[in-house]
């Protein structure tokens, strides 16, 4: 079972040899590909072989490429994953408006409840209780925009009333990088299940190739938020710390696993819920242990 998040931070050549990733830099390192869940190419001074990329695709390893500022800029996704992708894409196109609206309302309710729980943990009791009220008021397709009202209260607590998510700054950099890592994990599972990332249930931006992943990841954003707030200000290793989020211990469906594996269970349950038009079939991760450690 894959469990490693591998980050390449400096000049190196990557190739495949006997089912292993070979990293040739100042020294040579070997990591078996079936142990890798995520490969992050953080340096632009890295070269890779086509043979390696093909092996990574075959083993369903998600690969993220970063730009010259070490920010995620692209990811590698396979064309062919599920044996019946054509059938699933046809069904995805036929998801009913009712099913999408119903599932979206449950996703938003869970997101707000998790935000409230984190605010209680941080000592913002009044605001946390306000979010509990918003969660109880979520209607079909969140037509009263409880998510937007909750976000304003929530980020005023997390960032401070004088800041916003659009500002530059260290905390926002941590959040953006962490969200990119989580988004990549969702994209991988969506594609691996045979569906299209472009067709969302609520997000429908024509310029966003990952509308569906943006929908499904909403309840798990708070995990990134909590981790980002634990990172020491201006820590140069913040990207490596944020990338480690997928390895956190997580409980789901009565089992303890990693967040990466929990995302797989959650995503597939969402597809079942959409097919059967029953939001009660969604299996949300129950608890994730968030720690600032490598």
C-alpha atoms as a PDB file:
ATOM      1  CA  UNK A   1       0.000   0.000   0.000  1.00  0.00           C
ATOM      2  CA  UNK A   2       1.315   3.433  -0.929  1.00  0.00           C
ATOM      3  CA  UNK A   3       1.978   5.744   1.996  1.00  0.00           C
ATOM      4  CA  UNK A   4       4.941   8.003   1.191  1.00  0.00           C
ATOM      5  CA  UNK A   5       4.832  11.657   0.148  1.00  0.00           C
ATOM      6  CA  UNK A   6       8.127  12.314  -1.651  1.00  0.00           C
ATOM      7  CA  UNK A   7       9.293  15.910  -2.152  1.00  0.00           C
ATOM      8  CA  UNK A   8      12.191  16.685  -4.521  1.00  0.00           C
ATOM      9  CA  UNK A   9      13.583  20.075  -3.479  1.00  0.00           C
ATOM     10  CA  UNK A  10      16.917  20.348  -5.313  1.00  0.00           C
ATOM     11  CA  UNK A  11      18.620  19.517  -8.615  1.00  0.00           C
ATOM     12  CA  UNK A  12      18.251  15.828  -9.442  1.00  0.00           C
ATOM     13  CA  UNK A  13      17.572  13.318 -12.181  1.00  0.00           C
ATOM     14  CA  UNK A  14      14.678  10.926 -11.604  1.00  0.00           C
ATOM     15  CA  UNK A  15      14.411   7.577 -13.347  1.00  0.00           C
ATOM     16  CA  UNK A  16      12.947   4.122 -12.826  1.00  0.00           C
ATOM     17  CA  UNK A  17      14.915   0.962 -12.138  1.00  0.00           C
ATOM     18  CA  UNK A  18      13.438  -2.404 -11.099  1.00  0.00           C
ATOM     19  CA  UNK A  19      10.099  -0.905  -9.971  1.00  0.00           C
ATOM     20  CA  UNK A  20      11.830   1.772  -7.910  1.00  0.00           C
ATOM     21  CA  UNK A  21      12.204   5.535  -8.188  1.00  0.00           C
ATOM     22  CA  UNK A  22      15.904   6.397  -8.437  1.00  0.00           C
ATOM     23  CA  UNK A  23      16.817   9.921  -7.321  1.00  0.00           C
ATOM     24  CA  UNK A  24      20.261  10.888  -8.575  1.00  0.00           C
ATOM     25  CA  UNK A  25      21.460  14.086  -6.920  1.00  0.00           C
ATOM     26  CA  UNK A  26      24.422  14.641  -4.626  1.00  0.00           C
ATOM     27  CA  UNK A  27      23.849  11.019  -3.689  1.00  0.00           C
ATOM     28  CA  UNK A  28      21.663   8.265  -5.105  1.00  0.00           C
ATOM     29  CA  UNK A  29      18.457   7.221  -3.327  1.00  0.00           C
ATOM     30  CA  UNK A  30      15.970   4.475  -4.120  1.00  0.00           C
ATOM     31  CA  UNK A  31      12.279   4.398  -3.187  1.00  0.00           C
ATOM     32  CA  UNK A  32       9.945   1.611  -4.317  1.00  0.00           C
ATOM     33  CA  UNK A  33       7.169   3.080  -6.446  1.00  0.00           C
ATOM     34  CA  UNK A  34       4.437   1.005  -4.793  1.00  0.00           C
ATOM     35  CA  UNK A  35       5.252   2.816  -1.527  1.00  0.00           C
ATOM     36  CA  UNK A  36       4.680   6.287  -3.038  1.00  0.00           C
ATOM     37  CA  UNK A  37       1.278   7.967  -2.917  1.00  0.00           C
ATOM     38  CA  UNK A  38       2.404  11.484  -3.887  1.00  0.00           C
ATOM     39  CA  UNK A  39       5.487  12.831  -5.670  1.00  0.00           C
ATOM     40  CA  UNK A  40       6.008  16.601  -5.470  1.00  0.00           C
ATOM     41  CA  UNK A  41       8.600  18.065  -7.857  1.00  0.00           C
ATOM     42  CA  UNK A  42       9.375  21.302  -6.023  1.00  0.00           C
ATOM     43  CA  UNK A  43      12.502  22.308  -7.974  1.00  0.00           C
ATOM     44  CA  UNK A  44      12.553  23.332 -11.640  1.00  0.00           C
ATOM     45  CA  UNK A  45      16.071  21.879 -11.872  1.00  0.00           C
ATOM     46  CA  UNK A  46      14.727  18.316 -11.953  1.00  0.00           C
ATOM     47  CA  UNK A  47      14.680  16.074 -15.025  1.00  0.00           C
ATOM     48  CA  UNK A  48      12.542  12.938 -15.347  1.00  0.00           C
ATOM     49  CA  UNK A  49      12.434  10.063 -17.795  1.00  0.00           C
ATOM     50  CA  UNK A  50       9.305   9.170 -19.753  1.00  0.00           C
ATOM     51  CA  UNK A  51       9.669   5.596 -18.504  1.00  0.00           C
ATOM     52  CA  UNK A  52       9.403   6.820 -14.905  1.00  0.00           C
ATOM     53  CA  UNK A  53       6.299   8.902 -15.644  1.00  0.00           C
ATOM     54  CA  UNK A  54       4.614   5.881 -17.219  1.00  0.00           C
ATOM     55  CA  UNK A  55       5.362   3.721 -14.188  1.00  0.00           C
ATOM     56  CA  UNK A  56       4.034   6.395 -11.847  1.00  0.00           C
ATOM     57  CA  UNK A  57       0.810   6.553 -13.861  1.00  0.00           C
ATOM     58  CA  UNK A  58       0.435   2.763 -13.813  1.00  0.00           C
ATOM     59  CA  UNK A  59       0.799   2.777 -10.026  1.00  0.00           C
ATOM     60  CA  UNK A  60      -1.698   5.637  -9.571  1.00  0.00           C
ATOM     61  CA  UNK A  61       0.910   7.931  -8.020  1.00  0.00           C
ATOM     62  CA  UNK A  62      -0.148  11.560  -8.111  1.00  0.00           C
ATOM     63  CA  UNK A  63       2.624  13.827  -9.370  1.00  0.00           C
ATOM     64  CA  UNK A  64       2.627  17.561  -8.664  1.00  0.00           C
ATOM     65  CA  UNK A  65       4.939  19.999 -10.457  1.00  0.00           C
ATOM     66  CA  UNK A  66       5.887  23.351  -8.913  1.00  0.00           C
ATOM     67  CA  UNK A  67       6.949  26.604 -10.550  1.00  0.00           C
ATOM     68  CA  UNK A  68      10.081  28.697  -9.906  1.00  0.00           C
ATOM     69  CA  UNK A  69       8.504  29.973  -6.670  1.00  0.00           C
ATOM     70  CA  UNK A  70       7.885  26.392  -5.493  1.00  0.00           C
ATOM     71  CA  UNK A  71       4.118  26.815  -5.818  1.00  0.00           C
ATOM     72  CA  UNK A  72       2.067  23.958  -7.352  1.00  0.00           C
ATOM     73  CA  UNK A  73       1.478  24.705 -11.030  1.00  0.00           C
ATOM     74  CA  UNK A  74       0.394  21.403 -12.610  1.00  0.00           C
ATOM     75  CA  UNK A  75      -0.245  17.755 -11.914  1.00  0.00           C
ATOM     76  CA  UNK A  76      -0.056  14.505 -13.851  1.00  0.00           C
ATOM     77  CA  UNK A  77      -3.331  12.658 -14.383  1.00  0.00           C
ATOM     78  CA  UNK A  78      -3.783   9.487 -16.460  1.00  0.00           C
ATOM     79  CA  UNK A  79      -6.227   9.247 -19.379  1.00  0.00           C
ATOM     80  CA  UNK A  80      -7.313   5.682 -18.702  1.00  0.00           C
ATOM     81  CA  UNK A  81      -8.058   4.513 -15.178  1.00  0.00           C
ATOM     82  CA  UNK A  82     -11.359   2.719 -14.765  1.00  0.00           C
ATOM     83  CA  UNK A  83     -12.268  -0.043 -17.227  1.00  0.00           C
ATOM     84  CA  UNK A  84     -15.753   1.467 -17.712  1.00  0.00           C
ATOM     85  CA  UNK A  85     -14.934   5.190 -17.682  1.00  0.00           C
ATOM     86  CA  UNK A  86     -17.205   5.889 -20.668  1.00  0.00           C
ATOM     87  CA  UNK A  87     -20.208   4.502 -18.803  1.00  0.00           C
ATOM     88  CA  UNK A  88     -19.394   6.469 -15.655  1.00  0.00           C
ATOM     89  CA  UNK A  89     -18.875   9.741 -17.523  1.00  0.00           C
ATOM     90  CA  UNK A  90     -22.238   9.284 -19.232  1.00  0.00           C
ATOM     91  CA  UNK A  91     -23.862   8.754 -15.828  1.00  0.00           C
ATOM     92  CA  UNK A  92     -22.001  11.774 -14.441  1.00  0.00           C
ATOM     93  CA  UNK A  93     -23.485  13.952 -17.176  1.00  0.00           C
ATOM     94  CA  UNK A  94     -26.934  12.606 -16.260  1.00  0.00           C
ATOM     95  CA  UNK A  95     -26.706  13.345 -12.510  1.00  0.00           C
ATOM     96  CA  UNK A  96     -29.989  15.066 -11.687  1.00  0.00           C
ATOM     97  CA  UNK A  97     -30.273  18.638 -10.437  1.00  0.00           C
ATOM     98  CA  UNK A  98     -32.014  17.276  -7.341  1.00  0.00           C
ATOM     99  CA  UNK A  99     -29.200  14.855  -6.545  1.00  0.00           C
ATOM    100  CA  UNK A 100     -26.486  17.485  -6.984  1.00  0.00           C
ATOM    101  CA  UNK A 101     -28.299  20.060  -4.892  1.00  0.00           C
ATOM    102  CA  UNK A 102     -29.029  17.567  -2.140  1.00  0.00           C
ATOM    103  CA  UNK A 103     -25.447  16.313  -1.955  1.00  0.00           C
ATOM    104  CA  UNK A 104     -24.076  19.865  -2.026  1.00  0.00           C
ATOM    105  CA  UNK A 105     -26.223  20.914   0.931  1.00  0.00           C
ATOM    106  CA  UNK A 106     -24.864  18.001   2.992  1.00  0.00           C
ATOM    107  CA  UNK A 107     -21.270  18.805   2.023  1.00  0.00           C
ATOM    108  CA  UNK A 108     -21.714  22.440   3.078  1.00  0.00           C
ATOM    109  CA  UNK A 109     -23.391  21.456   6.338  1.00  0.00           C
ATOM    110  CA  UNK A 110     -20.438  19.214   7.186  1.00  0.00           C
ATOM    111  CA  UNK A 111     -17.970  21.945   6.256  1.00  0.00           C
ATOM    112  CA  UNK A 112     -19.624  24.479   8.575  1.00  0.00           C
ATOM    113  CA  UNK A 113     -19.861  21.966  11.436  1.00  0.00           C
ATOM    114  CA  UNK A 114     -16.129  21.264  11.149  1.00  0.00           C
ATOM    115  CA  UNK A 115     -15.329  24.961  11.068  1.00  0.00           C
ATOM    116  CA  UNK A 116     -17.416  25.400  14.201  1.00  0.00           C
ATOM    117  CA  UNK A 117     -15.595  22.546  15.933  1.00  0.00           C
ATOM    118  CA  UNK A 118     -12.234  24.124  15.154  1.00  0.00           C
ATOM    119  CA  UNK A 119     -13.331  27.530  16.429  1.00  0.00           C
ATOM    120  CA  UNK A 120     -14.448  25.912  19.705  1.00  0.00           C
ATOM    121  CA  UNK A 121     -10.998  24.338  19.885  1.00  0.00           C
ATOM    122  CA  UNK A 122      -9.377  27.740  19.385  1.00  0.00           C
ATOM    123  CA  UNK A 123     -11.534  29.373  22.066  1.00  0.00           C
ATOM    124  CA  UNK A 124     -13.876  31.359  19.799  1.00  0.00           C
ATOM    125  CA  UNK A 125     -17.009  30.071  21.536  1.00  0.00           C
ATOM    126  CA  UNK A 126     -19.427  32.811  20.474  1.00  0.00           C
ATOM    127  CA  UNK A 127     -18.468  32.515  16.811  1.00  0.00           C
ATOM    128  CA  UNK A 128     -18.474  28.722  16.976  1.00  0.00           C
ATOM    129  CA  UNK A 129     -22.049  28.738  18.285  1.00  0.00           C
ATOM    130  CA  UNK A 130     -22.997  31.127  15.488  1.00  0.00           C
ATOM    131  CA  UNK A 131     -21.666  28.626  12.941  1.00  0.00           C
ATOM    132  CA  UNK A 132     -23.647  25.827  14.581  1.00  0.00           C
ATOM    133  CA  UNK A 133     -26.729  27.920  13.946  1.00  0.00           C
ATOM    134  CA  UNK A 134     -25.743  28.451  10.317  1.00  0.00           C
ATOM    135  CA  UNK A 135     -25.216  24.692   9.868  1.00  0.00           C
ATOM    136  CA  UNK A 136     -28.757  24.001  11.113  1.00  0.00           C
ATOM    137  CA  UNK A 137     -30.099  26.537   8.590  1.00  0.00           C
ATOM    138  CA  UNK A 138     -28.499  25.031   5.466  1.00  0.00           C
ATOM    139  CA  UNK A 139     -31.218  24.508   2.856  1.00  0.00           C
ATOM    140  CA  UNK A 140     -31.336  22.610  -0.418  1.00  0.00           C
ATOM    141  CA  UNK A 141     -28.313  23.555  -2.576  1.00  0.00           C
ATOM    142  CA  UNK A 142     -27.390  26.084   0.148  1.00  0.00           C
ATOM    143  CA  UNK A 143     -29.679  28.589  -1.547  1.00  0.00           C
ATOM    144  CA  UNK A 144     -29.467  30.959   1.462  1.00  0.00           C
ATOM    145  CA  UNK A 145     -25.640  30.961   1.234  1.00  0.00           C
ATOM    146  CA  UNK A 146     -24.926  29.786   4.774  1.00  0.00           C
ATOM    147  CA  UNK A 147     -21.447  28.862   3.520  1.00  0.00           C
ATOM    148  CA  UNK A 148     -20.641  32.468   2.647  1.00  0.00           C
ATOM    149  CA  UNK A 149     -21.894  33.811   5.985  1.00  0.00           C
ATOM    150  CA  UNK A 150     -19.942  31.147   7.862  1.00  0.00           C
ATOM    151  CA  UNK A 151     -16.747  31.806   5.905  1.00  0.00           C
ATOM    152  CA  UNK A 152     -16.786  35.482   6.866  1.00  0.00           C
ATOM    153  CA  UNK A 153     -17.109  34.702  10.582  1.00  0.00           C
ATOM    154  CA  UNK A 154     -14.638  31.822  10.397  1.00  0.00           C
ATOM    155  CA  UNK A 155     -11.808  33.628   8.623  1.00  0.00           C
ATOM    156  CA  UNK A 156     -12.238  36.735  10.753  1.00  0.00           C
ATOM    157  CA  UNK A 157     -11.251  34.470  13.643  1.00  0.00           C
ATOM    158  CA  UNK A 158      -8.477  32.612  11.816  1.00  0.00           C
ATOM    159  CA  UNK A 159      -6.873  35.504   9.940  1.00  0.00           C
ATOM    160  CA  UNK A 160      -8.056  38.496  11.971  1.00  0.00           C
ATOM    161  CA  UNK A 161     -10.662  41.066  10.957  1.00  0.00           C
ATOM    162  CA  UNK A 162      -8.102  43.262   9.195  1.00  0.00           C
ATOM    163  CA  UNK A 163      -6.952  40.476   6.823  1.00  0.00           C
ATOM    164  CA  UNK A 164      -8.620  38.449   4.080  1.00  0.00           C
ATOM    165  CA  UNK A 165      -7.992  35.309   2.047  1.00  0.00           C
ATOM    166  CA  UNK A 166      -6.947  37.467  -0.919  1.00  0.00           C
ATOM    167  CA  UNK A 167      -4.049  39.064   0.945  1.00  0.00           C
ATOM    168  CA  UNK A 168      -0.426  38.084   0.521  1.00  0.00           C
ATOM    169  CA  UNK A 169       1.150  36.759   3.678  1.00  0.00           C
ATOM    170  CA  UNK A 170       2.689  33.707   5.251  1.00  0.00           C
ATOM    171  CA  UNK A 171      -0.511  32.134   6.618  1.00  0.00           C
ATOM    172  CA  UNK A 172      -2.324  32.503   3.302  1.00  0.00           C
ATOM    173  CA  UNK A 173       0.689  30.956   1.546  1.00  0.00           C
ATOM    174  CA  UNK A 174       0.427  27.948   3.859  1.00  0.00           C
ATOM    175  CA  UNK A 175      -3.312  27.673   3.237  1.00  0.00           C
ATOM    176  CA  UNK A 176      -2.973  27.928  -0.542  1.00  0.00           C
ATOM    177  CA  UNK A 177      -0.235  25.310  -0.691  1.00  0.00           C
ATOM    178  CA  UNK A 178      -2.132  22.940   1.596  1.00  0.00           C
ATOM    179  CA  UNK A 179      -5.344  23.334  -0.397  1.00  0.00           C
ATOM    180  CA  UNK A 180      -3.398  22.507  -3.581  1.00  0.00           C
ATOM    181  CA  UNK A 181      -2.123  19.282  -2.025  1.00  0.00           C
ATOM    182  CA  UNK A 182      -5.621  18.248  -0.921  1.00  0.00           C
ATOM    183  CA  UNK A 183      -7.084  19.224  -4.301  1.00  0.00           C
ATOM    184  CA  UNK A 184      -4.539  17.031  -6.054  1.00  0.00           C
ATOM    185  CA  UNK A 185      -5.521  14.048  -3.889  1.00  0.00           C
ATOM    186  CA  UNK A 186      -9.179  14.529  -4.815  1.00  0.00           C
ATOM    187  CA  UNK A 187      -8.358  14.853  -8.509  1.00  0.00           C
ATOM    188  CA  UNK A 188      -6.478  11.575  -8.395  1.00  0.00           C
ATOM    189  CA  UNK A 189      -9.377   9.707  -6.796  1.00  0.00           C
ATOM    190  CA  UNK A 190     -11.963  11.211  -9.138  1.00  0.00           C
ATOM    191  CA  UNK A 191      -9.970  10.198 -12.204  1.00  0.00           C
ATOM    192  CA  UNK A 192      -9.107   6.789 -10.723  1.00  0.00           C
ATOM    193  CA  UNK A 193     -12.836   6.175 -10.239  1.00  0.00           C
ATOM    194  CA  UNK A 194     -13.498   6.912 -13.911  1.00  0.00           C
ATOM    195  CA  UNK A 195     -15.129  10.350 -13.667  1.00  0.00           C
ATOM    196  CA  UNK A 196     -14.274  13.806 -15.016  1.00  0.00           C
ATOM    197  CA  UNK A 197     -12.833  16.472 -12.727  1.00  0.00           C
ATOM    198  CA  UNK A 198     -14.276  19.253 -14.898  1.00  0.00           C
ATOM    199  CA  UNK A 199     -17.957  18.491 -14.242  1.00  0.00           C
ATOM    200  CA  UNK A 200     -18.857  19.648 -10.737  1.00  0.00           C
ATOM    201  CA  UNK A 201     -22.035  19.468  -8.701  1.00  0.00           C
ATOM    202  CA  UNK A 202     -21.929  23.146  -7.676  1.00  0.00           C
ATOM    203  CA  UNK A 203     -18.718  24.690  -9.027  1.00  0.00           C
ATOM    204  CA  UNK A 204     -19.108  25.238 -12.777  1.00  0.00           C
ATOM    205  CA  UNK A 205     -16.400  27.708 -13.761  1.00  0.00           C
ATOM    206  CA  UNK A 206     -15.496  27.080 -17.400  1.00  0.00           C
ATOM    207  CA  UNK A 207     -11.872  27.995 -16.656  1.00  0.00           C
ATOM    208  CA  UNK A 208     -11.584  25.561 -13.721  1.00  0.00           C
ATOM    209  CA  UNK A 209     -10.534  22.060 -14.749  1.00  0.00           C
ATOM    210  CA  UNK A 210     -11.130  20.758 -11.229  1.00  0.00           C
ATOM    211  CA  UNK A 211     -14.703  21.806 -10.439  1.00  0.00           C
ATOM    212  CA  UNK A 212     -15.706  18.437  -8.978  1.00  0.00           C
ATOM    213  CA  UNK A 213     -12.636  18.210  -6.745  1.00  0.00           C
ATOM    214  CA  UNK A 214     -13.328  21.740  -5.496  1.00  0.00           C
ATOM    215  CA  UNK A 215     -16.835  20.582  -4.543  1.00  0.00           C
ATOM    216  CA  UNK A 216     -15.889  17.403  -2.736  1.00  0.00           C
ATOM    217  CA  UNK A 217     -12.893  18.764  -0.805  1.00  0.00           C
ATOM    218  CA  UNK A 218     -14.855  21.474   1.032  1.00  0.00           C
ATOM    219  CA  UNK A 219     -15.356  19.611   4.369  1.00  0.00           C
ATOM    220  CA  UNK A 220     -11.632  18.803   4.579  1.00  0.00           C
ATOM    221  CA  UNK A 221     -10.332  22.336   4.135  1.00  0.00           C
ATOM    222  CA  UNK A 222     -10.432  22.856   7.898  1.00  0.00           C
ATOM    223  CA  UNK A 223      -7.699  20.205   8.301  1.00  0.00           C
ATOM    224  CA  UNK A 224      -5.406  22.392   6.194  1.00  0.00           C
ATOM    225  CA  UNK A 225      -6.499  25.452   8.177  1.00  0.00           C
ATOM    226  CA  UNK A 226      -5.595  23.819  11.483  1.00  0.00           C
ATOM    227  CA  UNK A 227      -2.209  22.668  10.224  1.00  0.00           C
ATOM    228  CA  UNK A 228      -1.381  26.069   8.706  1.00  0.00           C
ATOM    229  CA  UNK A 229      -2.061  27.755  12.035  1.00  0.00           C
ATOM    230  CA  UNK A 230       0.444  25.411  13.698  1.00  0.00           C
ATOM    231  CA  UNK A 231       3.309  26.291  11.350  1.00  0.00           C
ATOM    232  CA  UNK A 232       5.823  28.686  12.888  1.00  0.00           C
ATOM    233  CA  UNK A 233       5.822  32.061  11.126  1.00  0.00           C
ATOM    234  CA  UNK A 234       8.190  32.176   8.133  1.00  0.00           C
ATOM    235  CA  UNK A 235       9.271  28.546   8.587  1.00  0.00           C
ATOM    236  CA  UNK A 236      11.206  27.761   5.391  1.00  0.00           C
ATOM    237  CA  UNK A 237       9.981  24.163   5.532  1.00  0.00           C
ATOM    238  CA  UNK A 238       6.306  25.148   5.480  1.00  0.00           C
ATOM    239  CA  UNK A 239       5.644  23.509   2.102  1.00  0.00           C
ATOM    240  CA  UNK A 240       7.060  20.196   3.243  1.00  0.00           C
ATOM    241  CA  UNK A 241       4.993  20.461   6.439  1.00  0.00           C
ATOM    242  CA  UNK A 242       1.807  21.218   4.500  1.00  0.00           C
ATOM    243  CA  UNK A 243       2.463  18.386   2.017  1.00  0.00           C
ATOM    244  CA  UNK A 244       2.563  15.963   4.953  1.00  0.00           C
ATOM    245  CA  UNK A 245      -1.156  16.552   5.580  1.00  0.00           C
ATOM    246  CA  UNK A 246      -2.081  13.484   3.516  1.00  0.00           C
ATOM    247  CA  UNK A 247      -0.221  11.222   5.955  1.00  0.00           C
ATOM    248  CA  UNK A 248      -2.218  12.300   9.031  1.00  0.00           C
ATOM    249  CA  UNK A 249      -4.035   9.629  11.026  1.00  0.00           C
ATOM    250  CA  UNK A 250      -7.726   9.739  10.163  1.00  0.00           C
ATOM    251  CA  UNK A 251     -10.816   7.830  11.313  1.00  0.00           C
ATOM    252  CA  UNK A 252     -13.454   6.956   8.736  1.00  0.00           C
ATOM    253  CA  UNK A 253     -16.239   4.407   8.722  1.00  0.00           C
ATOM    254  CA  UNK A 254     -15.015   2.983  12.036  1.00  0.00           C
ATOM    255  CA  UNK A 255     -11.458   2.442  10.808  1.00  0.00           C
ATOM    256  CA  UNK A 256      -8.153   4.245  11.399  1.00  0.00           C
ATOM    257  CA  UNK A 257      -6.105   5.040   8.306  1.00  0.00           C
ATOM    258  CA  UNK A 258      -4.313   7.977   6.659  1.00  0.00           C
ATOM    259  CA  UNK A 259      -6.095  11.024   5.266  1.00  0.00           C
ATOM    260  CA  UNK A 260      -5.004  10.003   1.768  1.00  0.00           C
ATOM    261  CA  UNK A 261      -6.838   6.668   2.045  1.00  0.00           C
ATOM    262  CA  UNK A 262      -9.811   8.287   3.799  1.00  0.00           C
ATOM    263  CA  UNK A 263     -10.238  10.634   0.836  1.00  0.00           C
ATOM    264  CA  UNK A 264     -10.585   7.596  -1.419  1.00  0.00           C
ATOM    265  CA  UNK A 265     -13.390   6.154   0.734  1.00  0.00           C
ATOM    266  CA  UNK A 266     -15.136   9.515   1.007  1.00  0.00           C
ATOM    267  CA  UNK A 267     -14.972  10.285  -2.730  1.00  0.00           C
ATOM    268  CA  UNK A 268     -16.347   6.902  -3.742  1.00  0.00           C
ATOM    269  CA  UNK A 269     -19.184   7.232  -1.242  1.00  0.00           C
ATOM    270  CA  UNK A 270     -20.066  10.591  -2.806  1.00  0.00           C
ATOM    271  CA  UNK A 271     -20.390   8.929  -6.216  1.00  0.00           C
ATOM    272  CA  UNK A 272     -22.656   6.265  -4.710  1.00  0.00           C
ATOM    273  CA  UNK A 273     -24.765   8.973  -3.083  1.00  0.00           C
ATOM    274  CA  UNK A 274     -25.069  10.847  -6.381  1.00  0.00           C
ATOM    275  CA  UNK A 275     -26.020   7.713  -8.311  1.00  0.00           C
ATOM    276  CA  UNK A 276     -28.679   6.696  -5.765  1.00  0.00           C
ATOM    277  CA  UNK A 277     -29.710  10.289  -4.963  1.00  0.00           C
ATOM    278  CA  UNK A 278     -29.268   9.710  -1.228  1.00  0.00           C
ATOM    279  CA  UNK A 279     -27.051  12.099   0.753  1.00  0.00           C
ATOM    280  CA  UNK A 280     -27.107   9.728   3.721  1.00  0.00           C
ATOM    281  CA  UNK A 281     -24.785   7.383   1.817  1.00  0.00           C
ATOM    282  CA  UNK A 282     -21.865   9.832   2.055  1.00  0.00           C
ATOM    283  CA  UNK A 283     -19.124   8.578   4.385  1.00  0.00           C
ATOM    284  CA  UNK A 284     -17.271  11.584   5.793  1.00  0.00           C
ATOM    285  CA  UNK A 285     -13.896  11.327   7.573  1.00  0.00           C
ATOM    286  CA  UNK A 286     -14.738  11.525  11.272  1.00  0.00           C
ATOM    287  CA  UNK A 287     -11.525  12.759  12.871  1.00  0.00           C
ATOM    288  CA  UNK A 288      -8.037  13.682  11.725  1.00  0.00           C
ATOM    289  CA  UNK A 289      -5.070  14.080  14.064  1.00  0.00           C
ATOM    290  CA  UNK A 290      -3.335  17.303  12.979  1.00  0.00           C
ATOM    291  CA  UNK A 291       0.298  17.728  14.006  1.00  0.00           C
ATOM    292  CA  UNK A 292       3.160  19.953  12.886  1.00  0.00           C
ATOM    293  CA  UNK A 293       5.743  17.245  12.400  1.00  0.00           C
ATOM    294  CA  UNK A 294       7.734  15.671   9.585  1.00  0.00           C
END
